[in-house]
N, C-alpha and C. Protein backbone atom coordinates (compact mmCIF):
# COMPACT_ATOMS: atom_id res chain seq x y z
N UNK A 1 0.47 1.61 4.56
CA UNK A 1 1.78 2.17 4.77
C UNK A 1 1.72 3.68 4.92
N UNK A 2 0.91 4.31 4.06
CA UNK A 2 0.77 5.76 4.12
C UNK A 2 0.15 6.18 5.45
N UNK A 3 -0.77 5.39 5.96
CA UNK A 3 -1.40 5.69 7.24
C UNK A 3 -0.37 5.68 8.36
N UNK A 4 0.54 4.72 8.33
CA UNK A 4 1.58 4.64 9.36
C UNK A 4 2.50 5.85 9.31
N UNK A 5 2.84 6.27 8.10
CA UNK A 5 3.72 7.43 7.95
C UNK A 5 3.02 8.69 8.46
N UNK A 6 1.76 8.88 8.07
CA UNK A 6 1.03 10.07 8.52
C UNK A 6 0.83 10.06 10.03
N UNK A 7 0.56 8.90 10.60
CA UNK A 7 0.39 8.80 12.05
C UNK A 7 1.70 9.11 12.77
N UNK A 8 2.83 8.65 12.23
CA UNK A 8 4.13 8.96 12.81
C UNK A 8 4.41 10.45 12.77
N UNK A 9 4.10 11.09 11.65
CA UNK A 9 4.30 12.53 11.53
C UNK A 9 3.41 13.27 12.53
N UNK A 10 2.18 12.80 12.71
CA UNK A 10 1.27 13.42 13.68
C UNK A 10 1.81 13.31 15.10
N UNK A 11 2.34 12.15 15.46
CA UNK A 11 2.88 11.97 16.81
C UNK A 11 4.11 12.84 17.02
N UNK A 12 4.99 12.91 16.03
CA UNK A 12 6.19 13.75 16.15
C UNK A 12 5.80 15.22 16.28
N UNK A 13 4.84 15.67 15.46
CA UNK A 13 4.41 17.07 15.55
C UNK A 13 3.76 17.37 16.89
N UNK A 14 2.98 16.43 17.41
CA UNK A 14 2.35 16.62 18.73
C UNK A 14 3.38 16.70 19.83
N UNK A 15 4.39 15.84 19.78
CA UNK A 15 5.45 15.88 20.80
C UNK A 15 6.23 17.19 20.71
N UNK A 16 6.51 17.61 19.48
CA UNK A 16 7.23 18.88 19.31
C UNK A 16 6.41 20.05 19.86
N UNK A 17 5.10 20.04 19.59
CA UNK A 17 4.24 21.09 20.08
C UNK A 17 4.22 21.13 21.61
N UNK A 18 4.13 19.96 22.23
CA UNK A 18 4.12 19.91 23.70
C UNK A 18 5.44 20.36 24.29
N UNK A 19 6.55 20.00 23.66
CA UNK A 19 7.86 20.46 24.16
C UNK A 19 8.00 21.97 24.03
N UNK A 20 7.55 22.52 22.93
CA UNK A 20 7.62 23.97 22.76
C UNK A 20 6.74 24.69 23.77
N UNK A 21 5.57 24.13 24.04
CA UNK A 21 4.66 24.73 25.02
C UNK A 21 5.27 24.65 26.42
N UNK A 22 5.92 23.54 26.73
CA UNK A 22 6.53 23.37 28.04
C UNK A 22 7.68 24.35 28.22
N UNK A 23 8.47 24.60 27.18
CA UNK A 23 9.58 25.55 27.27
C UNK A 23 9.05 26.96 27.50
N UNK A 24 7.93 27.28 26.91
CA UNK A 24 7.34 28.61 27.12
C UNK A 24 6.85 28.77 28.55
N UNK A 25 6.41 27.69 29.18
CA UNK A 25 5.91 27.78 30.55
C UNK A 25 7.05 27.90 31.55
N UNK A 26 8.25 27.43 31.20
CA UNK A 26 9.40 27.54 32.09
C UNK A 26 9.82 28.99 32.24
N UNK A 27 9.71 29.76 31.17
CA UNK A 27 10.02 31.19 31.22
C UNK A 27 9.00 31.87 32.14
N UNK A 28 9.46 32.80 33.01
CA UNK A 28 8.50 33.46 33.92
C UNK A 28 7.37 34.12 33.14
N UNK A 29 6.13 33.91 33.59
CA UNK A 29 5.00 34.47 32.84
C UNK A 29 5.00 36.00 32.85
N UNK A 30 4.56 36.57 31.75
CA UNK A 30 4.45 38.02 31.64
C UNK A 30 3.32 38.51 32.52
N UNK A 31 3.29 39.79 32.77
CA UNK A 31 2.26 40.33 33.64
C UNK A 31 0.89 40.25 33.00
N UNK A 32 0.83 40.45 31.70
CA UNK A 32 -0.45 40.39 31.01
C UNK A 32 -0.34 39.41 29.83
N UNK A 33 -0.83 38.22 30.00
CA UNK A 33 -0.69 37.17 28.99
C UNK A 33 -1.54 37.47 27.76
N UNK A 34 -2.70 38.08 27.95
CA UNK A 34 -3.60 38.32 26.82
C UNK A 34 -2.99 39.29 25.80
N UNK A 35 -2.26 40.30 26.25
CA UNK A 35 -1.64 41.22 25.29
C UNK A 35 -0.49 40.52 24.57
N UNK A 36 0.23 39.65 25.26
CA UNK A 36 1.31 38.91 24.60
C UNK A 36 0.74 38.01 23.52
N UNK A 37 -0.38 37.36 23.81
CA UNK A 37 -1.02 36.46 22.84
C UNK A 37 -1.55 37.25 21.64
N UNK A 38 -2.04 38.44 21.86
CA UNK A 38 -2.57 39.25 20.77
C UNK A 38 -1.48 39.82 19.88
N UNK A 39 -0.27 39.96 20.42
CA UNK A 39 0.83 40.51 19.62
C UNK A 39 1.38 39.50 18.63
N UNK A 40 1.13 38.20 18.84
CA UNK A 40 1.61 37.19 17.90
C UNK A 40 0.81 37.28 16.60
N UNK A 41 1.44 37.01 15.46
CA UNK A 41 0.69 37.03 14.20
C UNK A 41 -0.35 35.91 14.17
N UNK A 42 -1.42 36.16 13.41
CA UNK A 42 -2.51 35.18 13.33
C UNK A 42 -2.05 33.84 12.78
N UNK A 43 -1.20 33.86 11.75
CA UNK A 43 -0.78 32.61 11.14
C UNK A 43 0.00 31.76 12.14
N UNK A 44 0.74 32.40 13.03
CA UNK A 44 1.52 31.64 14.01
C UNK A 44 0.62 31.06 15.10
N UNK A 45 -0.43 31.78 15.45
CA UNK A 45 -1.35 31.30 16.48
C UNK A 45 -2.14 30.08 16.04
N UNK A 46 -2.57 30.08 14.79
CA UNK A 46 -3.47 29.03 14.32
C UNK A 46 -2.82 28.03 13.36
N UNK A 47 -1.56 28.21 13.04
CA UNK A 47 -0.90 27.34 12.07
C UNK A 47 -0.83 25.89 12.57
N UNK A 48 -0.37 25.70 13.79
CA UNK A 48 -0.21 24.35 14.31
C UNK A 48 -1.55 23.64 14.46
N UNK A 49 -2.56 24.37 14.92
CA UNK A 49 -3.89 23.79 15.03
C UNK A 49 -4.42 23.40 13.64
N UNK A 50 -4.22 24.25 12.67
CA UNK A 50 -4.66 23.95 11.31
C UNK A 50 -3.93 22.75 10.72
N UNK A 51 -2.63 22.65 11.00
CA UNK A 51 -1.86 21.50 10.50
C UNK A 51 -2.40 20.22 11.11
N UNK A 52 -2.67 20.21 12.41
CA UNK A 52 -3.22 19.02 13.06
C UNK A 52 -4.60 18.66 12.52
N UNK A 53 -5.43 19.64 12.28
CA UNK A 53 -6.77 19.37 11.75
C UNK A 53 -6.68 18.77 10.34
N UNK A 54 -5.86 19.37 9.49
CA UNK A 54 -5.71 18.87 8.12
C UNK A 54 -5.11 17.47 8.12
N UNK A 55 -4.09 17.25 8.94
CA UNK A 55 -3.46 15.93 9.00
C UNK A 55 -4.42 14.89 9.55
N UNK A 56 -5.18 15.24 10.57
CA UNK A 56 -6.16 14.31 11.13
C UNK A 56 -7.25 13.97 10.14
N UNK A 57 -7.75 14.98 9.43
CA UNK A 57 -8.79 14.71 8.43
C UNK A 57 -8.26 13.87 7.27
N UNK A 58 -6.99 14.10 6.88
CA UNK A 58 -6.46 13.26 5.79
C UNK A 58 -6.26 11.82 6.23
N UNK A 59 -5.79 11.60 7.44
CA UNK A 59 -5.63 10.23 7.93
C UNK A 59 -6.99 9.55 8.04
N UNK A 60 -7.97 10.27 8.55
CA UNK A 60 -9.31 9.71 8.69
C UNK A 60 -9.93 9.39 7.33
N UNK A 61 -9.81 10.30 6.38
CA UNK A 61 -10.42 10.06 5.07
C UNK A 61 -9.72 8.92 4.34
N UNK A 62 -8.39 8.82 4.44
CA UNK A 62 -7.68 7.71 3.82
C UNK A 62 -8.07 6.38 4.45
N UNK A 63 -8.22 6.36 5.77
CA UNK A 63 -8.60 5.12 6.45
C UNK A 63 -10.00 4.67 6.04
N UNK A 64 -10.93 5.62 5.94
CA UNK A 64 -12.28 5.27 5.51
C UNK A 64 -12.27 4.78 4.08
N UNK A 65 -11.54 5.45 3.18
CA UNK A 65 -11.46 5.02 1.79
C UNK A 65 -10.87 3.61 1.68
N UNK A 66 -9.79 3.34 2.42
CA UNK A 66 -9.15 2.03 2.37
C UNK A 66 -10.09 0.94 2.89
N UNK A 67 -10.80 1.22 3.98
CA UNK A 67 -11.73 0.25 4.53
C UNK A 67 -12.84 -0.06 3.52
N UNK A 68 -13.40 0.98 2.90
CA UNK A 68 -14.45 0.77 1.91
C UNK A 68 -13.95 -0.02 0.70
N UNK A 69 -12.71 0.27 0.27
CA UNK A 69 -12.14 -0.43 -0.88
C UNK A 69 -11.91 -1.91 -0.56
N UNK A 70 -11.46 -2.23 0.64
CA UNK A 70 -11.21 -3.61 1.01
C UNK A 70 -12.50 -4.41 1.20
N UNK A 71 -13.60 -3.75 1.46
CA UNK A 71 -14.88 -4.43 1.64
C UNK A 71 -15.75 -4.42 0.38
N UNK A 72 -15.20 -3.95 -0.72
CA UNK A 72 -15.93 -3.96 -1.99
C UNK A 72 -16.05 -5.40 -2.49
N UNK A 73 -17.21 -5.76 -2.97
CA UNK A 73 -17.46 -7.12 -3.44
C UNK A 73 -17.13 -7.19 -4.93
N UNK A 74 -16.27 -8.16 -5.28
CA UNK A 74 -15.86 -8.37 -6.66
C UNK A 74 -16.16 -9.81 -7.07
N UNK A 75 -16.20 -10.04 -8.35
CA UNK A 75 -16.37 -11.39 -8.88
C UNK A 75 -15.01 -11.88 -9.34
N UNK A 76 -14.61 -13.07 -8.86
CA UNK A 76 -13.31 -13.64 -9.20
C UNK A 76 -13.54 -14.87 -10.06
N UNK A 77 -12.89 -14.89 -11.20
CA UNK A 77 -12.98 -16.04 -12.10
C UNK A 77 -11.62 -16.74 -12.05
N UNK A 78 -11.63 -18.03 -11.69
CA UNK A 78 -10.39 -18.81 -11.65
C UNK A 78 -10.28 -19.59 -12.95
N UNK A 79 -9.21 -19.35 -13.68
CA UNK A 79 -8.98 -20.01 -14.96
C UNK A 79 -7.80 -20.95 -14.79
N UNK A 80 -8.06 -22.24 -14.95
CA UNK A 80 -7.03 -23.26 -14.81
C UNK A 80 -6.65 -23.80 -16.18
N UNK A 81 -5.38 -23.85 -16.53
CA UNK A 81 -4.99 -24.36 -17.85
C UNK A 81 -5.14 -25.87 -17.97
N UNK A 82 -5.13 -26.60 -16.86
CA UNK A 82 -5.15 -28.05 -16.90
C UNK A 82 -6.55 -28.64 -16.83
N UNK A 83 -7.50 -27.90 -16.28
CA UNK A 83 -8.84 -28.47 -16.07
C UNK A 83 -9.89 -27.61 -16.77
N UNK A 84 -11.02 -28.24 -17.02
CA UNK A 84 -12.11 -27.52 -17.67
C UNK A 84 -13.05 -26.86 -16.67
N UNK A 85 -12.92 -27.19 -15.39
CA UNK A 85 -13.84 -26.64 -14.39
C UNK A 85 -13.32 -25.29 -13.88
N UNK A 86 -13.66 -24.26 -14.59
CA UNK A 86 -13.31 -22.90 -14.18
C UNK A 86 -14.41 -22.38 -13.26
N UNK A 87 -14.00 -21.82 -12.13
CA UNK A 87 -14.98 -21.36 -11.16
C UNK A 87 -15.14 -19.86 -11.15
N UNK A 88 -16.30 -19.41 -10.72
CA UNK A 88 -16.58 -17.99 -10.59
C UNK A 88 -17.16 -17.76 -9.20
N UNK A 89 -16.55 -16.87 -8.42
CA UNK A 89 -16.93 -16.68 -7.03
C UNK A 89 -17.08 -15.20 -6.73
N UNK A 90 -17.93 -14.89 -5.75
CA UNK A 90 -18.08 -13.51 -5.26
C UNK A 90 -17.28 -13.40 -3.96
N UNK A 91 -16.37 -12.42 -3.93
CA UNK A 91 -15.41 -12.30 -2.84
C UNK A 91 -15.26 -10.83 -2.47
N UNK A 92 -14.95 -10.57 -1.20
CA UNK A 92 -14.55 -9.21 -0.81
C UNK A 92 -13.11 -8.99 -1.26
N UNK A 93 -12.80 -7.79 -1.68
CA UNK A 93 -11.47 -7.48 -2.22
C UNK A 93 -10.36 -7.74 -1.21
N UNK A 94 -10.61 -7.47 0.06
CA UNK A 94 -9.61 -7.66 1.10
C UNK A 94 -9.37 -9.10 1.45
N UNK A 95 -10.25 -10.02 1.03
CA UNK A 95 -10.10 -11.44 1.35
C UNK A 95 -9.30 -12.20 0.30
N UNK A 96 -8.77 -11.51 -0.70
CA UNK A 96 -7.95 -12.16 -1.72
C UNK A 96 -6.49 -11.96 -1.35
N UNK A 97 -5.75 -13.07 -1.26
CA UNK A 97 -4.32 -12.97 -0.98
C UNK A 97 -3.56 -13.67 -2.10
N UNK A 98 -2.28 -13.95 -1.88
CA UNK A 98 -1.44 -14.52 -2.93
C UNK A 98 -1.88 -15.93 -3.33
N UNK A 99 -2.24 -16.76 -2.38
CA UNK A 99 -2.50 -18.16 -2.72
C UNK A 99 -3.86 -18.66 -2.27
N UNK A 100 -4.68 -17.79 -1.69
CA UNK A 100 -6.01 -18.24 -1.25
C UNK A 100 -6.97 -17.06 -1.21
N UNK A 101 -8.24 -17.40 -1.06
CA UNK A 101 -9.28 -16.39 -0.90
C UNK A 101 -10.43 -17.00 -0.13
N UNK A 102 -11.27 -16.13 0.43
CA UNK A 102 -12.44 -16.56 1.19
C UNK A 102 -13.66 -15.94 0.51
N UNK A 103 -14.61 -16.77 0.12
CA UNK A 103 -15.80 -16.27 -0.56
C UNK A 103 -16.78 -15.67 0.45
N UNK A 104 -17.84 -15.06 -0.06
CA UNK A 104 -18.87 -14.49 0.81
C UNK A 104 -19.60 -15.58 1.59
N UNK A 105 -19.62 -16.80 1.06
CA UNK A 105 -20.26 -17.92 1.74
C UNK A 105 -19.38 -18.53 2.82
N UNK A 106 -18.13 -18.09 2.93
CA UNK A 106 -17.21 -18.62 3.93
C UNK A 106 -16.36 -19.77 3.44
N UNK A 107 -16.34 -20.02 2.16
CA UNK A 107 -15.55 -21.11 1.59
C UNK A 107 -14.11 -20.62 1.37
N UNK A 108 -13.14 -21.36 1.91
CA UNK A 108 -11.73 -21.04 1.71
C UNK A 108 -11.24 -21.76 0.46
N UNK A 109 -10.71 -21.00 -0.48
CA UNK A 109 -10.25 -21.56 -1.75
C UNK A 109 -8.76 -21.27 -1.89
N UNK A 110 -7.99 -22.34 -2.11
CA UNK A 110 -6.56 -22.20 -2.40
C UNK A 110 -6.34 -22.48 -3.88
N UNK A 111 -5.45 -21.72 -4.50
CA UNK A 111 -5.18 -21.95 -5.90
C UNK A 111 -3.68 -22.10 -6.12
N UNK A 112 -3.34 -22.78 -7.19
CA UNK A 112 -1.93 -23.04 -7.48
C UNK A 112 -1.33 -21.86 -8.24
N UNK A 113 -0.04 -21.98 -8.49
CA UNK A 113 0.65 -20.90 -9.21
C UNK A 113 0.33 -20.92 -10.70
N UNK A 114 -0.22 -22.02 -11.19
CA UNK A 114 -0.54 -22.12 -12.61
C UNK A 114 -1.89 -21.50 -12.93
N UNK A 115 -2.75 -21.37 -11.95
CA UNK A 115 -4.08 -20.82 -12.18
C UNK A 115 -4.03 -19.30 -12.28
N UNK A 116 -4.88 -18.77 -13.11
CA UNK A 116 -4.99 -17.31 -13.26
C UNK A 116 -6.27 -16.84 -12.58
N UNK A 117 -6.21 -15.64 -12.05
CA UNK A 117 -7.39 -15.02 -11.46
C UNK A 117 -7.81 -13.84 -12.32
N UNK A 118 -9.07 -13.78 -12.63
CA UNK A 118 -9.63 -12.62 -13.33
C UNK A 118 -10.58 -11.95 -12.36
N UNK A 119 -10.24 -10.74 -11.94
CA UNK A 119 -11.05 -10.01 -10.96
C UNK A 119 -11.93 -9.01 -11.70
N UNK A 120 -13.23 -9.16 -11.53
CA UNK A 120 -14.20 -8.29 -12.20
C UNK A 120 -14.93 -7.50 -11.12
N UNK A 121 -14.74 -6.18 -11.15
CA UNK A 121 -15.40 -5.33 -10.15
C UNK A 121 -16.85 -5.11 -10.53
N UNK A 122 -17.73 -5.31 -9.56
CA UNK A 122 -19.16 -5.05 -9.77
C UNK A 122 -19.55 -3.85 -8.94
N UNK A 123 -20.37 -3.00 -9.48
CA UNK A 123 -20.77 -1.80 -8.74
C UNK A 123 -21.98 -2.02 -7.91
């Protein structure tokens, strides 16, 4: 969800930047563009570029962190109150959902609402 919000902000800022640049080009160009560019303060010249770089790096780092977290291998212990056969499976964290999971061996396991899951993270 955070990735979608940051990506939306990035697109809006990019569109705003392009519109501002286009409005500046509509105005007749000055005789010497380099002196006009040098008269602008440094923070104004590099602020938008810095914002895009920081926003891009944060979206990239969050995406990499989320991907690594979802591919982390955990041990899942299924505890059933009605049966004595409690199972223990190795699963990727992203493959666990509300009512089923897929083990590393490719076995699809569905569990009822009465069963409890104990997730043990292994390093």
